[in-house]
Amino acid sequence: MFDSFPQGISTRLDRPHYHEEYYRTLKSGIGHLNKLERGQHFKERGFSSWEAFAAGRWDEALSLIEERRDAYVQQVEEMDRLGVLQRRLRVVEFPVTPYVQWELHVLRLRVEVGDRIRLLDARTIADIEKHRYVPEVVILGDVAMFEVQYDSDGNAAGANHYTDPELIAETSAGFDELYAQGEEYADFFDREIAPLPPPTVTP
């Protein structure tokens, strides 16, 4: 699974050009969008909930998530208007990192407004990840694929852009297989995330 991905030929896009190409492709009639998230430590500067989380203010961080509801509703509605079926698979390592614990509370709101998100215990794919992690990738139909890139501090830093149809098809098949293994969001969240105490974060 994902065997050809490391040898794939791509074009590196900085963050503005990644967003430009992403939205251009999204509106081109692609039909579906699949997102595979693997990293366990990221930074989301500018998101007030993340800022509160990073400062160690857990209760405030959770309360501020709600301010994104309207934006998430608009995103779901836009996908519906474009006729794009969107699916997201979030791989979760154990013990759960503070960032992922926070992020899964954010994703719970996304699920509430209509996002199709499943969660996958990283331990269940240990055999697949013997040599490398599954890719952090956004697949837009059968025409484009973006491997999201981050700097050494965990900040979003553009993406590698792939257009090879065979590589996209192979990666999409891998996503479909893992998505089928994924667990429904509410079941996973209620069992693994809701009971956790507030994470320890050093501001």
N, C-alpha and C. Protein backbone atom coordinates (compact mmCIF):
# COMPACT_ATOMS: atom_id res chain seq x y z
N MET A 1 0.85 -1.20 0.00
CA MET A 1 0.00 0.00 0.00
C MET A 1 0.88 1.25 0.00
N PHE A 2 0.60 2.17 -0.92
CA PHE A 2 1.37 3.40 -1.07
C PHE A 2 2.82 3.13 -1.47
N ASP A 3 3.09 1.96 -2.07
CA ASP A 3 4.47 1.59 -2.39
C ASP A 3 5.14 2.54 -3.37
N SER A 4 4.37 3.06 -4.33
CA SER A 4 4.95 3.91 -5.36
C SER A 4 5.06 5.37 -4.93
N PHE A 5 4.41 5.70 -3.83
CA PHE A 5 4.33 7.12 -3.46
C PHE A 5 5.71 7.78 -3.26
N PRO A 6 6.66 7.12 -2.57
CA PRO A 6 7.95 7.80 -2.34
C PRO A 6 8.71 8.12 -3.62
N GLN A 7 8.45 7.38 -4.69
CA GLN A 7 9.15 7.62 -5.96
C GLN A 7 8.36 8.53 -6.90
N GLY A 8 7.21 8.99 -6.46
CA GLY A 8 6.37 9.83 -7.31
C GLY A 8 7.04 11.15 -7.65
N ILE A 9 6.76 11.64 -8.84
CA ILE A 9 7.32 12.93 -9.29
C ILE A 9 6.32 14.03 -8.96
N SER A 10 6.82 15.08 -8.32
CA SER A 10 5.93 16.16 -7.89
C SER A 10 6.58 17.51 -8.13
N THR A 11 5.74 18.53 -8.02
CA THR A 11 6.19 19.92 -8.08
C THR A 11 5.94 20.55 -6.72
N ARG A 12 6.96 21.19 -6.17
CA ARG A 12 6.80 21.80 -4.85
C ARG A 12 6.11 23.16 -5.01
N LEU A 13 5.05 23.37 -4.24
CA LEU A 13 4.31 24.62 -4.24
C LEU A 13 4.40 25.26 -2.87
N ASP A 14 4.66 26.56 -2.83
CA ASP A 14 4.61 27.24 -1.55
C ASP A 14 3.16 27.36 -1.12
N ARG A 15 2.93 27.87 0.07
CA ARG A 15 1.57 27.84 0.61
C ARG A 15 0.57 28.61 -0.24
N PRO A 16 0.86 29.85 -0.69
CA PRO A 16 -0.12 30.56 -1.53
C PRO A 16 -0.42 29.84 -2.83
N HIS A 17 0.61 29.28 -3.48
CA HIS A 17 0.37 28.60 -4.75
C HIS A 17 -0.34 27.26 -4.54
N TYR A 18 -0.08 26.61 -3.41
CA TYR A 18 -0.82 25.39 -3.07
C TYR A 18 -2.30 25.69 -2.93
N HIS A 19 -2.63 26.72 -2.18
CA HIS A 19 -4.04 27.07 -2.00
C HIS A 19 -4.68 27.45 -3.33
N GLU A 20 -3.95 28.18 -4.17
CA GLU A 20 -4.48 28.58 -5.48
C GLU A 20 -4.78 27.35 -6.34
N GLU A 21 -3.84 26.41 -6.40
CA GLU A 21 -4.03 25.23 -7.24
C GLU A 21 -5.10 24.31 -6.64
N TYR A 22 -5.13 24.23 -5.32
CA TYR A 22 -6.13 23.41 -4.65
C TYR A 22 -7.54 23.87 -5.01
N TYR A 23 -7.82 25.16 -4.85
CA TYR A 23 -9.16 25.67 -5.11
C TYR A 23 -9.50 25.64 -6.60
N ARG A 24 -8.51 25.86 -7.45
CA ARG A 24 -8.76 25.76 -8.89
C ARG A 24 -9.21 24.34 -9.23
N THR A 25 -8.50 23.36 -8.71
CA THR A 25 -8.85 21.96 -9.00
C THR A 25 -10.17 21.57 -8.36
N LEU A 26 -10.38 22.04 -7.14
CA LEU A 26 -11.61 21.71 -6.42
C LEU A 26 -12.86 22.11 -7.21
N LYS A 27 -12.76 23.23 -7.92
CA LYS A 27 -13.91 23.77 -8.64
C LYS A 27 -13.98 23.29 -10.09
N SER A 28 -13.16 22.29 -10.43
CA SER A 28 -13.08 21.85 -11.83
C SER A 28 -13.95 20.65 -12.14
N GLY A 29 -14.78 20.22 -11.16
CA GLY A 29 -15.67 19.09 -11.40
C GLY A 29 -15.06 17.75 -11.03
N ILE A 30 -14.31 17.70 -9.93
CA ILE A 30 -13.56 16.49 -9.58
C ILE A 30 -14.43 15.37 -9.02
N GLY A 31 -15.55 15.70 -8.39
CA GLY A 31 -16.44 14.65 -7.89
C GLY A 31 -16.20 14.22 -6.46
N HIS A 32 -14.93 14.06 -6.07
CA HIS A 32 -14.66 13.65 -4.69
C HIS A 32 -13.31 14.17 -4.22
N LEU A 33 -13.19 14.27 -2.90
CA LEU A 33 -11.96 14.72 -2.25
C LEU A 33 -11.70 13.82 -1.05
N ASN A 34 -10.50 13.27 -0.98
CA ASN A 34 -10.11 12.41 0.14
C ASN A 34 -8.90 13.00 0.84
N LYS A 35 -8.95 13.05 2.16
CA LYS A 35 -7.85 13.63 2.93
C LYS A 35 -7.38 12.63 3.98
N LEU A 36 -6.08 12.32 3.96
CA LEU A 36 -5.47 11.42 4.92
C LEU A 36 -4.52 12.22 5.79
N GLU A 37 -4.78 12.21 7.09
CA GLU A 37 -3.97 12.98 8.04
C GLU A 37 -3.20 12.01 8.94
N ARG A 38 -1.87 12.20 9.01
CA ARG A 38 -1.02 11.27 9.75
C ARG A 38 -0.22 11.93 10.86
N GLY A 39 0.20 13.16 10.70
CA GLY A 39 1.04 13.83 11.70
C GLY A 39 0.33 13.99 13.03
N GLN A 40 1.11 14.00 14.09
CA GLN A 40 0.55 14.07 15.44
C GLN A 40 0.87 15.38 16.16
N HIS A 41 1.68 16.23 15.54
CA HIS A 41 2.08 17.48 16.18
C HIS A 41 2.08 18.60 15.13
N PHE A 42 1.13 19.52 15.22
CA PHE A 42 1.07 20.64 14.30
C PHE A 42 0.79 21.93 15.06
N LYS A 43 0.94 23.04 14.37
CA LYS A 43 0.60 24.34 14.93
C LYS A 43 -0.40 25.02 14.02
N GLU A 44 -1.38 25.67 14.60
CA GLU A 44 -2.41 26.35 13.82
C GLU A 44 -2.55 27.79 14.31
N ARG A 45 -1.49 28.53 14.11
CA ARG A 45 -1.47 29.92 14.55
C ARG A 45 -2.58 30.71 13.85
N GLY A 46 -3.21 31.58 14.61
CA GLY A 46 -4.30 32.37 14.07
C GLY A 46 -5.66 31.81 14.40
N PHE A 47 -5.73 30.56 14.83
CA PHE A 47 -6.98 29.93 15.28
C PHE A 47 -7.02 30.14 16.79
N SER A 48 -7.96 30.95 17.24
CA SER A 48 -7.97 31.34 18.65
C SER A 48 -8.05 30.14 19.59
N SER A 49 -8.77 29.10 19.19
CA SER A 49 -8.85 27.91 20.03
C SER A 49 -7.48 27.26 20.16
N TRP A 50 -6.75 27.15 19.06
CA TRP A 50 -5.41 26.57 19.14
C TRP A 50 -4.49 27.44 19.98
N GLU A 51 -4.60 28.75 19.84
CA GLU A 51 -3.75 29.66 20.62
C GLU A 51 -3.98 29.45 22.11
N ALA A 52 -5.26 29.29 22.50
CA ALA A 52 -5.57 29.04 23.91
C ALA A 52 -5.04 27.68 24.34
N PHE A 53 -5.20 26.68 23.49
CA PHE A 53 -4.67 25.34 23.78
C PHE A 53 -3.16 25.40 23.99
N ALA A 54 -2.45 26.08 23.08
CA ALA A 54 -1.00 26.15 23.15
C ALA A 54 -0.52 26.91 24.39
N ALA A 55 -1.38 27.77 24.90
CA ALA A 55 -1.04 28.53 26.10
C ALA A 55 -1.43 27.78 27.38
N GLY A 56 -2.00 26.59 27.22
CA GLY A 56 -2.37 25.80 28.37
C GLY A 56 -3.73 26.10 28.95
N ARG A 57 -4.58 26.82 28.20
CA ARG A 57 -5.90 27.19 28.70
C ARG A 57 -6.94 26.26 28.04
N TRP A 58 -7.05 25.05 28.56
CA TRP A 58 -7.84 24.00 27.93
C TRP A 58 -9.32 24.34 27.85
N ASP A 59 -9.92 24.74 28.94
CA ASP A 59 -11.35 25.04 28.93
C ASP A 59 -11.68 26.15 27.94
N GLU A 60 -10.83 27.16 27.90
CA GLU A 60 -11.04 28.25 26.94
C GLU A 60 -10.88 27.75 25.51
N ALA A 61 -9.90 26.89 25.30
CA ALA A 61 -9.68 26.34 23.96
C ALA A 61 -10.91 25.60 23.47
N LEU A 62 -11.52 24.81 24.34
CA LEU A 62 -12.71 24.06 23.93
C LEU A 62 -13.88 25.01 23.65
N SER A 63 -14.03 26.04 24.46
CA SER A 63 -15.16 26.95 24.27
C SER A 63 -15.02 27.75 22.98
N LEU A 64 -13.79 28.00 22.55
CA LEU A 64 -13.56 28.82 21.36
C LEU A 64 -13.74 28.05 20.06
N ILE A 65 -13.80 26.73 20.14
CA ILE A 65 -14.00 25.94 18.91
C ILE A 65 -15.30 26.33 18.22
N GLU A 66 -16.31 26.62 19.01
CA GLU A 66 -17.64 26.90 18.47
C GLU A 66 -17.65 28.09 17.50
N GLU A 67 -16.69 29.00 17.65
CA GLU A 67 -16.69 30.17 16.76
C GLU A 67 -16.41 29.78 15.31
N ARG A 68 -15.96 28.56 15.06
CA ARG A 68 -15.71 28.10 13.70
C ARG A 68 -16.94 27.45 13.06
N ARG A 69 -18.03 27.30 13.81
CA ARG A 69 -19.17 26.56 13.29
C ARG A 69 -19.67 27.11 11.96
N ASP A 70 -19.91 28.40 11.86
CA ASP A 70 -20.45 28.98 10.62
C ASP A 70 -19.52 28.73 9.44
N ALA A 71 -18.22 28.86 9.69
CA ALA A 71 -17.25 28.64 8.61
C ALA A 71 -17.28 27.19 8.14
N TYR A 72 -17.40 26.26 9.08
CA TYR A 72 -17.44 24.84 8.71
C TYR A 72 -18.73 24.51 7.97
N VAL A 73 -19.84 25.11 8.40
CA VAL A 73 -21.11 24.90 7.70
C VAL A 73 -20.98 25.39 6.26
N GLN A 74 -20.37 26.54 6.07
CA GLN A 74 -20.20 27.09 4.73
C GLN A 74 -19.33 26.18 3.86
N GLN A 75 -18.29 25.59 4.46
CA GLN A 75 -17.43 24.68 3.70
C GLN A 75 -18.20 23.44 3.24
N VAL A 76 -19.01 22.89 4.13
CA VAL A 76 -19.82 21.71 3.76
C VAL A 76 -20.81 22.08 2.67
N GLU A 77 -21.44 23.23 2.80
CA GLU A 77 -22.40 23.66 1.80
C GLU A 77 -21.73 23.91 0.45
N GLU A 78 -20.51 24.44 0.48
CA GLU A 78 -19.78 24.67 -0.77
C GLU A 78 -19.48 23.34 -1.46
N MET A 79 -19.05 22.36 -0.68
CA MET A 79 -18.79 21.04 -1.26
C MET A 79 -20.05 20.47 -1.89
N ASP A 80 -21.17 20.65 -1.22
CA ASP A 80 -22.44 20.15 -1.76
C ASP A 80 -22.78 20.85 -3.08
N ARG A 81 -22.58 22.16 -3.12
CA ARG A 81 -22.86 22.92 -4.36
C ARG A 81 -21.97 22.46 -5.50
N LEU A 82 -20.73 22.13 -5.17
CA LEU A 82 -19.78 21.70 -6.20
C LEU A 82 -19.96 20.23 -6.57
N GLY A 83 -20.80 19.53 -5.81
CA GLY A 83 -20.99 18.11 -6.08
C GLY A 83 -19.79 17.27 -5.69
N VAL A 84 -19.04 17.72 -4.68
CA VAL A 84 -17.83 17.02 -4.25
C VAL A 84 -18.12 16.22 -2.98
N LEU A 85 -17.91 14.92 -3.04
CA LEU A 85 -18.02 14.06 -1.86
C LEU A 85 -16.69 14.11 -1.13
N GLN A 86 -16.71 14.60 0.10
CA GLN A 86 -15.47 14.78 0.87
C GLN A 86 -15.39 13.75 2.00
N ARG A 87 -14.25 13.09 2.09
CA ARG A 87 -14.00 12.15 3.18
C ARG A 87 -12.63 12.45 3.79
N ARG A 88 -12.56 12.28 5.10
CA ARG A 88 -11.31 12.53 5.82
C ARG A 88 -11.04 11.34 6.74
N LEU A 89 -9.77 10.90 6.77
CA LEU A 89 -9.35 9.84 7.67
C LEU A 89 -8.22 10.37 8.53
N ARG A 90 -8.42 10.32 9.85
CA ARG A 90 -7.43 10.84 10.79
C ARG A 90 -6.78 9.65 11.53
N VAL A 91 -5.48 9.46 11.32
CA VAL A 91 -4.74 8.42 12.02
C VAL A 91 -4.35 8.94 13.40
N VAL A 92 -4.58 8.13 14.43
CA VAL A 92 -4.33 8.56 15.81
C VAL A 92 -3.35 7.60 16.48
N GLU A 93 -2.25 8.14 16.97
CA GLU A 93 -1.29 7.34 17.73
C GLU A 93 -1.68 7.32 19.20
N PHE A 94 -1.23 6.28 19.89
CA PHE A 94 -1.42 6.18 21.34
C PHE A 94 -0.06 6.09 22.02
N PRO A 95 0.13 6.77 23.16
CA PRO A 95 -0.85 7.66 23.79
C PRO A 95 -1.13 8.88 22.91
N VAL A 96 -2.34 9.38 23.00
CA VAL A 96 -2.78 10.50 22.17
C VAL A 96 -1.98 11.75 22.53
N THR A 97 -1.43 12.42 21.52
CA THR A 97 -0.67 13.64 21.79
C THR A 97 -1.62 14.78 22.18
N PRO A 98 -1.11 15.77 22.91
CA PRO A 98 -1.97 16.92 23.25
C PRO A 98 -2.60 17.58 22.03
N TYR A 99 -1.82 17.73 20.94
CA TYR A 99 -2.38 18.37 19.75
C TYR A 99 -3.55 17.57 19.19
N VAL A 100 -3.37 16.25 19.05
CA VAL A 100 -4.44 15.43 18.48
C VAL A 100 -5.65 15.42 19.39
N GLN A 101 -5.43 15.40 20.71
CA GLN A 101 -6.56 15.48 21.63
C GLN A 101 -7.37 16.74 21.38
N TRP A 102 -6.68 17.87 21.21
CA TRP A 102 -7.37 19.13 20.91
C TRP A 102 -8.03 19.06 19.53
N GLU A 103 -7.30 18.58 18.53
CA GLU A 103 -7.82 18.55 17.16
C GLU A 103 -9.09 17.71 17.06
N LEU A 104 -9.13 16.61 17.80
CA LEU A 104 -10.31 15.75 17.69
C LEU A 104 -11.55 16.41 18.28
N HIS A 105 -11.39 17.34 19.19
CA HIS A 105 -12.53 18.14 19.64
C HIS A 105 -12.99 19.08 18.52
N VAL A 106 -12.03 19.61 17.76
CA VAL A 106 -12.38 20.46 16.62
C VAL A 106 -13.10 19.64 15.55
N LEU A 107 -12.57 18.46 15.27
CA LEU A 107 -13.17 17.61 14.24
C LEU A 107 -14.57 17.14 14.65
N ARG A 108 -14.81 17.06 15.94
CA ARG A 108 -16.16 16.69 16.38
C ARG A 108 -17.17 17.72 15.90
N LEU A 109 -16.80 18.99 15.93
CA LEU A 109 -17.69 20.03 15.40
C LEU A 109 -17.88 19.85 13.90
N ARG A 110 -16.81 19.54 13.19
CA ARG A 110 -16.93 19.32 11.75
C ARG A 110 -17.90 18.17 11.45
N VAL A 111 -17.82 17.11 12.23
CA VAL A 111 -18.74 15.99 12.04
C VAL A 111 -20.18 16.43 12.29
N GLU A 112 -20.37 17.24 13.32
CA GLU A 112 -21.71 17.73 13.64
C GLU A 112 -22.35 18.46 12.47
N VAL A 113 -21.54 19.19 11.69
CA VAL A 113 -22.10 19.99 10.59
C VAL A 113 -22.10 19.24 9.26
N GLY A 114 -21.65 17.97 9.28
CA GLY A 114 -21.82 17.17 8.07
C GLY A 114 -20.57 16.60 7.43
N ASP A 115 -19.38 16.87 7.99
CA ASP A 115 -18.17 16.28 7.43
C ASP A 115 -18.14 14.76 7.66
N ARG A 116 -17.61 14.04 6.69
CA ARG A 116 -17.48 12.58 6.80
C ARG A 116 -16.05 12.27 7.27
N ILE A 117 -15.92 12.00 8.55
CA ILE A 117 -14.60 11.79 9.14
C ILE A 117 -14.57 10.47 9.90
N ARG A 118 -13.57 9.67 9.63
CA ARG A 118 -13.34 8.45 10.39
C ARG A 118 -11.97 8.52 11.05
N LEU A 119 -11.81 7.74 12.11
CA LEU A 119 -10.57 7.72 12.87
C LEU A 119 -9.96 6.33 12.82
N LEU A 120 -8.63 6.28 12.78
CA LEU A 120 -7.93 5.01 12.63
C LEU A 120 -6.80 4.93 13.64
N ASP A 121 -6.83 3.91 14.48
CA ASP A 121 -5.78 3.64 15.46
C ASP A 121 -4.51 3.27 14.71
N ALA A 122 -3.43 4.04 14.93
CA ALA A 122 -2.18 3.79 14.21
C ALA A 122 -1.64 2.39 14.46
N ARG A 123 -1.97 1.81 15.59
CA ARG A 123 -1.47 0.46 15.90
C ARG A 123 -2.01 -0.59 14.94
N THR A 124 -3.15 -0.30 14.33
CA THR A 124 -3.75 -1.27 13.42
C THR A 124 -3.08 -1.28 12.04
N ILE A 125 -2.23 -0.30 11.77
CA ILE A 125 -1.54 -0.26 10.48
C ILE A 125 -0.02 -0.33 10.66
N ALA A 126 0.41 -0.89 11.78
CA ALA A 126 1.85 -1.00 12.05
C ALA A 126 2.55 -1.80 10.96
N ASP A 127 1.88 -2.81 10.42
CA ASP A 127 2.51 -3.62 9.37
C ASP A 127 2.71 -2.81 8.09
N ILE A 128 1.80 -1.88 7.82
CA ILE A 128 1.91 -1.04 6.63
C ILE A 128 3.02 -0.01 6.80
N GLU A 129 3.26 0.39 8.05
CA GLU A 129 4.21 1.46 8.33
C GLU A 129 5.57 0.95 8.82
N LYS A 130 5.95 -0.24 8.44
CA LYS A 130 7.23 -0.79 8.86
C LYS A 130 8.40 0.07 8.40
N HIS A 131 8.29 0.63 7.20
CA HIS A 131 9.40 1.39 6.63
C HIS A 131 9.13 2.89 6.56
N ARG A 132 7.87 3.28 6.49
CA ARG A 132 7.54 4.71 6.43
C ARG A 132 6.07 4.88 6.79
N TYR A 133 5.76 6.09 7.27
CA TYR A 133 4.37 6.40 7.58
C TYR A 133 3.55 6.48 6.30
N VAL A 134 2.25 6.25 6.43
CA VAL A 134 1.37 6.53 5.30
C VAL A 134 1.44 8.03 5.02
N PRO A 135 1.21 8.45 3.79
CA PRO A 135 1.42 9.85 3.43
C PRO A 135 0.35 10.80 3.97
N GLU A 136 0.78 12.01 4.25
CA GLU A 136 -0.12 13.11 4.61
C GLU A 136 -0.57 13.72 3.29
N VAL A 137 -1.78 13.39 2.84
CA VAL A 137 -2.11 13.68 1.45
C VAL A 137 -3.57 14.10 1.28
N VAL A 138 -3.77 14.97 0.30
CA VAL A 138 -5.11 15.40 -0.11
C VAL A 138 -5.27 14.98 -1.57
N ILE A 139 -6.30 14.18 -1.86
CA ILE A 139 -6.51 13.66 -3.21
C ILE A 139 -7.77 14.29 -3.78
N LEU A 140 -7.65 14.98 -4.91
CA LEU A 140 -8.78 15.64 -5.55
C LEU A 140 -9.15 14.88 -6.81
N GLY A 141 -10.21 14.07 -6.69
CA GLY A 141 -10.65 13.28 -7.83
C GLY A 141 -9.53 12.38 -8.33
N ASP A 142 -9.43 12.26 -9.65
CA ASP A 142 -8.36 11.46 -10.24
C ASP A 142 -7.37 12.33 -11.00
N VAL A 143 -7.35 13.64 -10.68
CA VAL A 143 -6.52 14.56 -11.46
C VAL A 143 -5.40 15.23 -10.69
N ALA A 144 -5.50 15.27 -9.35
CA ALA A 144 -4.47 15.98 -8.59
C ALA A 144 -4.36 15.41 -7.18
N MET A 145 -3.15 15.52 -6.65
CA MET A 145 -2.89 15.04 -5.30
C MET A 145 -1.84 15.96 -4.68
N PHE A 146 -2.04 16.28 -3.42
CA PHE A 146 -1.14 17.18 -2.72
C PHE A 146 -0.62 16.51 -1.45
N GLU A 147 0.69 16.41 -1.33
CA GLU A 147 1.31 15.96 -0.09
C GLU A 147 1.62 17.20 0.73
N VAL A 148 0.86 17.41 1.77
CA VAL A 148 0.99 18.63 2.56
C VAL A 148 2.33 18.65 3.28
N GLN A 149 2.99 19.79 3.26
CA GLN A 149 4.31 19.95 3.86
C GLN A 149 4.26 20.90 5.06
N TYR A 150 5.15 20.63 6.01
CA TYR A 150 5.24 21.45 7.22
C TYR A 150 6.70 21.77 7.50
N ASP A 151 6.94 22.93 8.12
CA ASP A 151 8.31 23.26 8.48
C ASP A 151 8.70 22.53 9.77
N SER A 152 9.94 22.74 10.22
CA SER A 152 10.45 22.01 11.38
C SER A 152 9.72 22.36 12.66
N ASP A 153 8.95 23.45 12.64
CA ASP A 153 8.21 23.88 13.83
C ASP A 153 6.75 23.45 13.79
N GLY A 154 6.36 22.73 12.73
CA GLY A 154 4.99 22.23 12.65
C GLY A 154 4.01 23.16 11.98
N ASN A 155 4.50 24.18 11.29
CA ASN A 155 3.62 25.12 10.60
C ASN A 155 3.43 24.70 9.14
N ALA A 156 2.22 24.87 8.62
CA ALA A 156 1.94 24.54 7.23
C ALA A 156 2.88 25.31 6.30
N ALA A 157 3.44 24.60 5.31
CA ALA A 157 4.46 25.23 4.45
C ALA A 157 4.30 24.79 3.00
N GLY A 158 3.07 24.72 2.52
CA GLY A 158 2.86 24.37 1.12
C GLY A 158 2.64 22.89 0.92
N ALA A 159 2.91 22.42 -0.32
CA ALA A 159 2.62 21.02 -0.63
C ALA A 159 3.40 20.59 -1.86
N ASN A 160 3.59 19.27 -1.97
CA ASN A 160 4.09 18.66 -3.20
C ASN A 160 2.88 18.28 -4.05
N HIS A 161 2.90 18.69 -5.32
CA HIS A 161 1.76 18.53 -6.21
C HIS A 161 2.04 17.38 -7.18
N TYR A 162 1.17 16.37 -7.17
CA TYR A 162 1.30 15.21 -8.04
C TYR A 162 0.15 15.19 -9.05
N THR A 163 0.46 14.80 -10.28
CA THR A 163 -0.57 14.72 -11.31
C THR A 163 -0.56 13.40 -12.07
N ASP A 164 0.34 12.48 -11.74
CA ASP A 164 0.42 11.19 -12.43
C ASP A 164 -0.84 10.37 -12.13
N PRO A 165 -1.66 10.06 -13.15
CA PRO A 165 -2.92 9.35 -12.92
C PRO A 165 -2.75 7.99 -12.24
N GLU A 166 -1.69 7.26 -12.59
CA GLU A 166 -1.48 5.95 -11.99
C GLU A 166 -1.13 6.07 -10.51
N LEU A 167 -0.31 7.03 -10.17
CA LEU A 167 0.05 7.23 -8.76
C LEU A 167 -1.16 7.69 -7.96
N ILE A 168 -1.96 8.57 -8.54
CA ILE A 168 -3.18 9.04 -7.86
C ILE A 168 -4.13 7.87 -7.64
N ALA A 169 -4.29 7.02 -8.66
CA ALA A 169 -5.19 5.88 -8.53
C ALA A 169 -4.70 4.91 -7.45
N GLU A 170 -3.40 4.65 -7.41
CA GLU A 170 -2.85 3.75 -6.39
C GLU A 170 -3.03 4.33 -4.99
N THR A 171 -2.77 5.62 -4.84
CA THR A 171 -2.90 6.25 -3.54
C THR A 171 -4.37 6.31 -3.12
N SER A 172 -5.25 6.55 -4.07
CA SER A 172 -6.68 6.57 -3.77
C SER A 172 -7.15 5.20 -3.30
N ALA A 173 -6.64 4.14 -3.94
CA ALA A 173 -7.01 2.79 -3.53
C ALA A 173 -6.54 2.51 -2.10
N GLY A 174 -5.34 3.00 -1.77
CA GLY A 174 -4.85 2.85 -0.40
C GLY A 174 -5.71 3.60 0.59
N PHE A 175 -6.11 4.81 0.21
CA PHE A 175 -7.00 5.58 1.08
C PHE A 175 -8.31 4.84 1.30
N ASP A 176 -8.90 4.34 0.22
CA ASP A 176 -10.19 3.64 0.33
C ASP A 176 -10.08 2.45 1.28
N GLU A 177 -8.98 1.72 1.19
CA GLU A 177 -8.80 0.55 2.06
C GLU A 177 -8.70 0.97 3.52
N LEU A 178 -7.93 2.01 3.79
CA LEU A 178 -7.78 2.47 5.18
C LEU A 178 -9.08 3.10 5.69
N TYR A 179 -9.77 3.81 4.84
CA TYR A 179 -11.03 4.45 5.25
C TYR A 179 -12.04 3.38 5.65
N ALA A 180 -12.03 2.28 4.92
CA ALA A 180 -12.95 1.18 5.24
C ALA A 180 -12.61 0.58 6.60
N GLN A 181 -11.34 0.63 6.99
CA GLN A 181 -10.92 0.13 8.29
C GLN A 181 -11.20 1.11 9.41
N GLY A 182 -11.36 2.38 9.06
CA GLY A 182 -11.54 3.42 10.06
C GLY A 182 -12.82 3.25 10.86
N GLU A 183 -12.82 3.85 12.03
CA GLU A 183 -13.97 3.74 12.94
C GLU A 183 -14.81 5.00 12.86
N GLU A 184 -16.11 4.83 13.02
CA GLU A 184 -17.00 5.98 13.03
C GLU A 184 -16.56 6.95 14.12
N TYR A 185 -16.65 8.22 13.80
CA TYR A 185 -16.06 9.25 14.66
C TYR A 185 -16.61 9.21 16.08
N ALA A 186 -17.91 9.20 16.22
CA ALA A 186 -18.52 9.30 17.55
C ALA A 186 -18.10 8.14 18.44
N ASP A 187 -18.05 6.93 17.88
CA ASP A 187 -17.70 5.76 18.68
C ASP A 187 -16.27 5.89 19.22
N PHE A 188 -15.35 6.26 18.33
CA PHE A 188 -13.95 6.40 18.72
C PHE A 188 -13.79 7.53 19.73
N PHE A 189 -14.40 8.67 19.44
CA PHE A 189 -14.25 9.85 20.31
C PHE A 189 -14.79 9.55 21.70
N ASP A 190 -15.96 8.98 21.77
CA ASP A 190 -16.57 8.73 23.08
C ASP A 190 -15.74 7.75 23.91
N ARG A 191 -15.12 6.80 23.26
CA ARG A 191 -14.35 5.78 23.99
C ARG A 191 -12.95 6.24 24.34
N GLU A 192 -12.26 6.90 23.39
CA GLU A 192 -10.84 7.17 23.55
C GLU A 192 -10.48 8.61 23.92
N ILE A 193 -11.33 9.55 23.56
CA ILE A 193 -10.96 10.96 23.72
C ILE A 193 -11.74 11.64 24.84
N ALA A 194 -13.05 11.46 24.86
CA ALA A 194 -13.87 12.13 25.87
C ALA A 194 -13.41 11.87 27.30
N PRO A 195 -12.97 10.65 27.66
CA PRO A 195 -12.57 10.41 29.06
C PRO A 195 -11.22 11.00 29.45
N LEU A 196 -10.44 11.49 28.49
CA LEU A 196 -9.08 11.96 28.80
C LEU A 196 -9.12 13.23 29.65
N PRO A 197 -8.18 13.36 30.60
CA PRO A 197 -8.06 14.61 31.34
C PRO A 197 -7.47 15.68 30.44
N PRO A 198 -7.55 16.95 30.79
CA PRO A 198 -6.93 18.00 29.99
C PRO A 198 -5.45 17.69 29.75
N PRO A 199 -4.97 17.91 28.55
CA PRO A 199 -3.56 17.61 28.24
C PRO A 199 -2.62 18.58 28.94
N THR A 200 -1.42 18.11 29.18
CA THR A 200 -0.40 18.97 29.74
C THR A 200 0.34 19.66 28.61
N VAL A 201 0.25 20.97 28.57
CA VAL A 201 0.91 21.74 27.51
C VAL A 201 1.80 22.78 28.16
N THR A 202 3.03 22.86 27.69
CA THR A 202 3.95 23.86 28.19
C THR A 202 3.90 25.07 27.28
N PRO A 203 3.35 26.20 27.74
CA PRO A 203 3.23 27.38 26.89
C PRO A 203 4.58 27.84 26.36
